[in-house]
């Protein structure tokens, strides 16, 4: 059963602080944006390669949280993953900008 989750960055930050590790955070922006700054622990799977790389890079039994350049790109990536059989896909509302606003841990050149 597919779950459509809009994820609030505060909730995700709390989940990470409480050490609930059965999740994967996927950054679907381009590599340059990822290198500049991304949510700590996120993996990069740019949207243009997500369809071909998801099966080898992501486990279907984990919760997957995605974010892109904007909420539209995030929604597109989440739909692609759901259509590929991933049931627990959350869309990080506001993406990286929202994550930085709540003081979430980041990595990359901005960090």
C-alpha atoms as a PDB file:
ATOM      1  CA  UNK A   1       0.000   0.000   0.000  1.00  0.00           C
ATOM      2  CA  UNK A   2       1.391   3.328  -1.035  1.00  0.00           C
ATOM      3  CA  UNK A   3       1.623   6.111   1.512  1.00  0.00           C
ATOM      4  CA  UNK A   4       1.690   9.738   0.388  1.00  0.00           C
ATOM      5  CA  UNK A   5       3.447  11.678   3.105  1.00  0.00           C
ATOM      6  CA  UNK A   6       4.096  15.390   3.194  1.00  0.00           C
ATOM      7  CA  UNK A   7       6.858  15.567   5.773  1.00  0.00           C
ATOM      8  CA  UNK A   8       7.394  18.582   7.976  1.00  0.00           C
ATOM      9  CA  UNK A   9      11.094  19.322   8.507  1.00  0.00           C
ATOM     10  CA  UNK A  10      10.529  19.667  12.262  1.00  0.00           C
ATOM     11  CA  UNK A  11       9.167  16.095  12.406  1.00  0.00           C
ATOM     12  CA  UNK A  12      12.050  14.707  10.362  1.00  0.00           C
ATOM     13  CA  UNK A  13      14.615  16.551  12.472  1.00  0.00           C
ATOM     14  CA  UNK A  14      13.033  15.107  15.649  1.00  0.00           C
ATOM     15  CA  UNK A  15      13.025  11.614  14.177  1.00  0.00           C
ATOM     16  CA  UNK A  16      16.729  11.877  13.352  1.00  0.00           C
ATOM     17  CA  UNK A  17      17.557  13.288  16.798  1.00  0.00           C
ATOM     18  CA  UNK A  18      15.761  10.339  18.416  1.00  0.00           C
ATOM     19  CA  UNK A  19      17.927   7.967  16.389  1.00  0.00           C
ATOM     20  CA  UNK A  20      15.255   6.291  14.273  1.00  0.00           C
ATOM     21  CA  UNK A  21      17.595   5.089  11.510  1.00  0.00           C
ATOM     22  CA  UNK A  22      15.323   3.003   9.260  1.00  0.00           C
ATOM     23  CA  UNK A  23      15.097   5.790   6.716  1.00  0.00           C
ATOM     24  CA  UNK A  24      16.867   7.080   3.654  1.00  0.00           C
ATOM     25  CA  UNK A  25      16.949  10.746   2.635  1.00  0.00           C
ATOM     26  CA  UNK A  26      17.274  11.284  -1.111  1.00  0.00           C
ATOM     27  CA  UNK A  27      18.337  14.584  -2.678  1.00  0.00           C
ATOM     28  CA  UNK A  28      17.077  14.655  -6.286  1.00  0.00           C
ATOM     29  CA  UNK A  29      18.661  18.000  -7.190  1.00  0.00           C
ATOM     30  CA  UNK A  30      21.629  18.109  -9.577  1.00  0.00           C
ATOM     31  CA  UNK A  31      25.100  17.105  -8.344  1.00  0.00           C
ATOM     32  CA  UNK A  32      26.370  20.702  -8.091  1.00  0.00           C
ATOM     33  CA  UNK A  33      23.487  21.698  -5.793  1.00  0.00           C
ATOM     34  CA  UNK A  34      24.068  18.577  -3.679  1.00  0.00           C
ATOM     35  CA  UNK A  35      27.802  19.318  -3.394  1.00  0.00           C
ATOM     36  CA  UNK A  36      27.079  22.911  -2.392  1.00  0.00           C
ATOM     37  CA  UNK A  37      24.902  21.808   0.521  1.00  0.00           C
ATOM     38  CA  UNK A  38      22.541  18.997   1.467  1.00  0.00           C
ATOM     39  CA  UNK A  39      20.776  17.452   4.448  1.00  0.00           C
ATOM     40  CA  UNK A  40      23.318  15.576   6.514  1.00  0.00           C
ATOM     41  CA  UNK A  41      23.299  11.901   5.538  1.00  0.00           C
ATOM     42  CA  UNK A  42      21.295  12.418   2.332  1.00  0.00           C
ATOM     43  CA  UNK A  43      22.280  10.482  -0.764  1.00  0.00           C
ATOM     44  CA  UNK A  44      22.278  12.048  -4.201  1.00  0.00           C
ATOM     45  CA  UNK A  45      20.110  10.529  -6.910  1.00  0.00           C
ATOM     46  CA  UNK A  46      19.431  13.330  -9.402  1.00  0.00           C
ATOM     47  CA  UNK A  47      15.903  13.253 -10.778  1.00  0.00           C
ATOM     48  CA  UNK A  48      17.095  12.490 -14.320  1.00  0.00           C
ATOM     49  CA  UNK A  49      18.736   9.239 -13.102  1.00  0.00           C
ATOM     50  CA  UNK A  50      16.351   8.358 -10.273  1.00  0.00           C
ATOM     51  CA  UNK A  51      14.267   5.917 -12.304  1.00  0.00           C
ATOM     52  CA  UNK A  52      17.251   3.907 -13.478  1.00  0.00           C
ATOM     53  CA  UNK A  53      19.199   3.957 -10.204  1.00  0.00           C
ATOM     54  CA  UNK A  54      16.481   3.584  -7.555  1.00  0.00           C
ATOM     55  CA  UNK A  55      16.279  -0.228  -7.620  1.00  0.00           C
ATOM     56  CA  UNK A  56      20.008  -0.640  -6.974  1.00  0.00           C
ATOM     57  CA  UNK A  57      20.410   2.290  -4.570  1.00  0.00           C
ATOM     58  CA  UNK A  58      17.301   2.109  -2.379  1.00  0.00           C
ATOM     59  CA  UNK A  59      15.759  -0.582  -0.183  1.00  0.00           C
ATOM     60  CA  UNK A  60      12.000  -1.011  -0.556  1.00  0.00           C
ATOM     61  CA  UNK A  61      11.487  -1.742   3.156  1.00  0.00           C
ATOM     62  CA  UNK A  62      12.924   1.569   4.363  1.00  0.00           C
ATOM     63  CA  UNK A  63      11.114   4.860   4.686  1.00  0.00           C
ATOM     64  CA  UNK A  64      12.358   7.169   1.949  1.00  0.00           C
ATOM     65  CA  UNK A  65      12.255  10.931   2.271  1.00  0.00           C
ATOM     66  CA  UNK A  66      12.866  12.966  -0.882  1.00  0.00           C
ATOM     67  CA  UNK A  67      13.508  16.615  -1.604  1.00  0.00           C
ATOM     68  CA  UNK A  68      14.364  18.604  -4.717  1.00  0.00           C
ATOM     69  CA  UNK A  69      14.863  22.175  -5.886  1.00  0.00           C
ATOM     70  CA  UNK A  70      11.206  22.906  -5.144  1.00  0.00           C
ATOM     71  CA  UNK A  71       8.071  21.102  -4.009  1.00  0.00           C
ATOM     72  CA  UNK A  72       7.102  20.329  -7.617  1.00  0.00           C
ATOM     73  CA  UNK A  73      10.382  18.490  -8.285  1.00  0.00           C
ATOM     74  CA  UNK A  74      10.011  16.719  -4.932  1.00  0.00           C
ATOM     75  CA  UNK A  75       6.487  15.571  -5.836  1.00  0.00           C
ATOM     76  CA  UNK A  76       7.674  14.329  -9.231  1.00  0.00           C
ATOM     77  CA  UNK A  77      10.451  12.275  -7.601  1.00  0.00           C
ATOM     78  CA  UNK A  78       8.083  10.856  -4.989  1.00  0.00           C
ATOM     79  CA  UNK A  79       5.592   9.813  -7.673  1.00  0.00           C
ATOM     80  CA  UNK A  80       8.349   8.141  -9.656  1.00  0.00           C
ATOM     81  CA  UNK A  81       9.407   6.150  -6.573  1.00  0.00           C
ATOM     82  CA  UNK A  82       5.836   5.174  -5.682  1.00  0.00           C
ATOM     83  CA  UNK A  83       5.224   4.044  -9.253  1.00  0.00           C
ATOM     84  CA  UNK A  84       8.399   1.917  -8.983  1.00  0.00           C
ATOM     85  CA  UNK A  85       6.951   0.087  -5.967  1.00  0.00           C
ATOM     86  CA  UNK A  86       8.254   2.050  -3.003  1.00  0.00           C
ATOM     87  CA  UNK A  87       5.425   2.264  -0.485  1.00  0.00           C
ATOM     88  CA  UNK A  88       6.787   4.579   2.202  1.00  0.00           C
ATOM     89  CA  UNK A  89       7.820   7.761   0.397  1.00  0.00           C
ATOM     90  CA  UNK A  90       7.712  11.107   2.166  1.00  0.00           C
ATOM     91  CA  UNK A  91       8.062  14.486   0.506  1.00  0.00           C
ATOM     92  CA  UNK A  92      10.118  16.943   2.546  1.00  0.00           C
ATOM     93  CA  UNK A  93       8.035  20.119   2.352  1.00  0.00           C
ATOM     94  CA  UNK A  94      10.188  23.134   1.541  1.00  0.00           C
ATOM     95  CA  UNK A  95      13.243  20.972   0.811  1.00  0.00           C
ATOM     96  CA  UNK A  96      16.755  22.003   1.750  1.00  0.00           C
ATOM     97  CA  UNK A  97      15.807  25.646   2.430  1.00  0.00           C
ATOM     98  CA  UNK A  98      13.207  24.588   4.998  1.00  0.00           C
ATOM     99  CA  UNK A  99      15.687  22.157   6.558  1.00  0.00           C
ATOM    100  CA  UNK A 100      18.267  24.936   6.989  1.00  0.00           C
ATOM    101  CA  UNK A 101      15.608  27.225   8.483  1.00  0.00           C
ATOM    102  CA  UNK A 102      14.938  24.783  11.350  1.00  0.00           C
ATOM    103  CA  UNK A 103      18.656  24.334  11.975  1.00  0.00           C
ATOM    104  CA  UNK A 104      18.886  20.797  10.618  1.00  0.00           C
ATOM    105  CA  UNK A 105      22.360  19.314  10.169  1.00  0.00           C
ATOM    106  CA  UNK A 106      23.865  19.970   6.745  1.00  0.00           C
ATOM    107  CA  UNK A 107      26.929  18.863   4.806  1.00  0.00           C
ATOM    108  CA  UNK A 108      28.717  20.326   1.795  1.00  0.00           C
ATOM    109  CA  UNK A 109      30.374  23.618   0.985  1.00  0.00           C
ATOM    110  CA  UNK A 110      27.714  25.605   2.876  1.00  0.00           C
ATOM    111  CA  UNK A 111      28.209  23.668   6.103  1.00  0.00           C
END
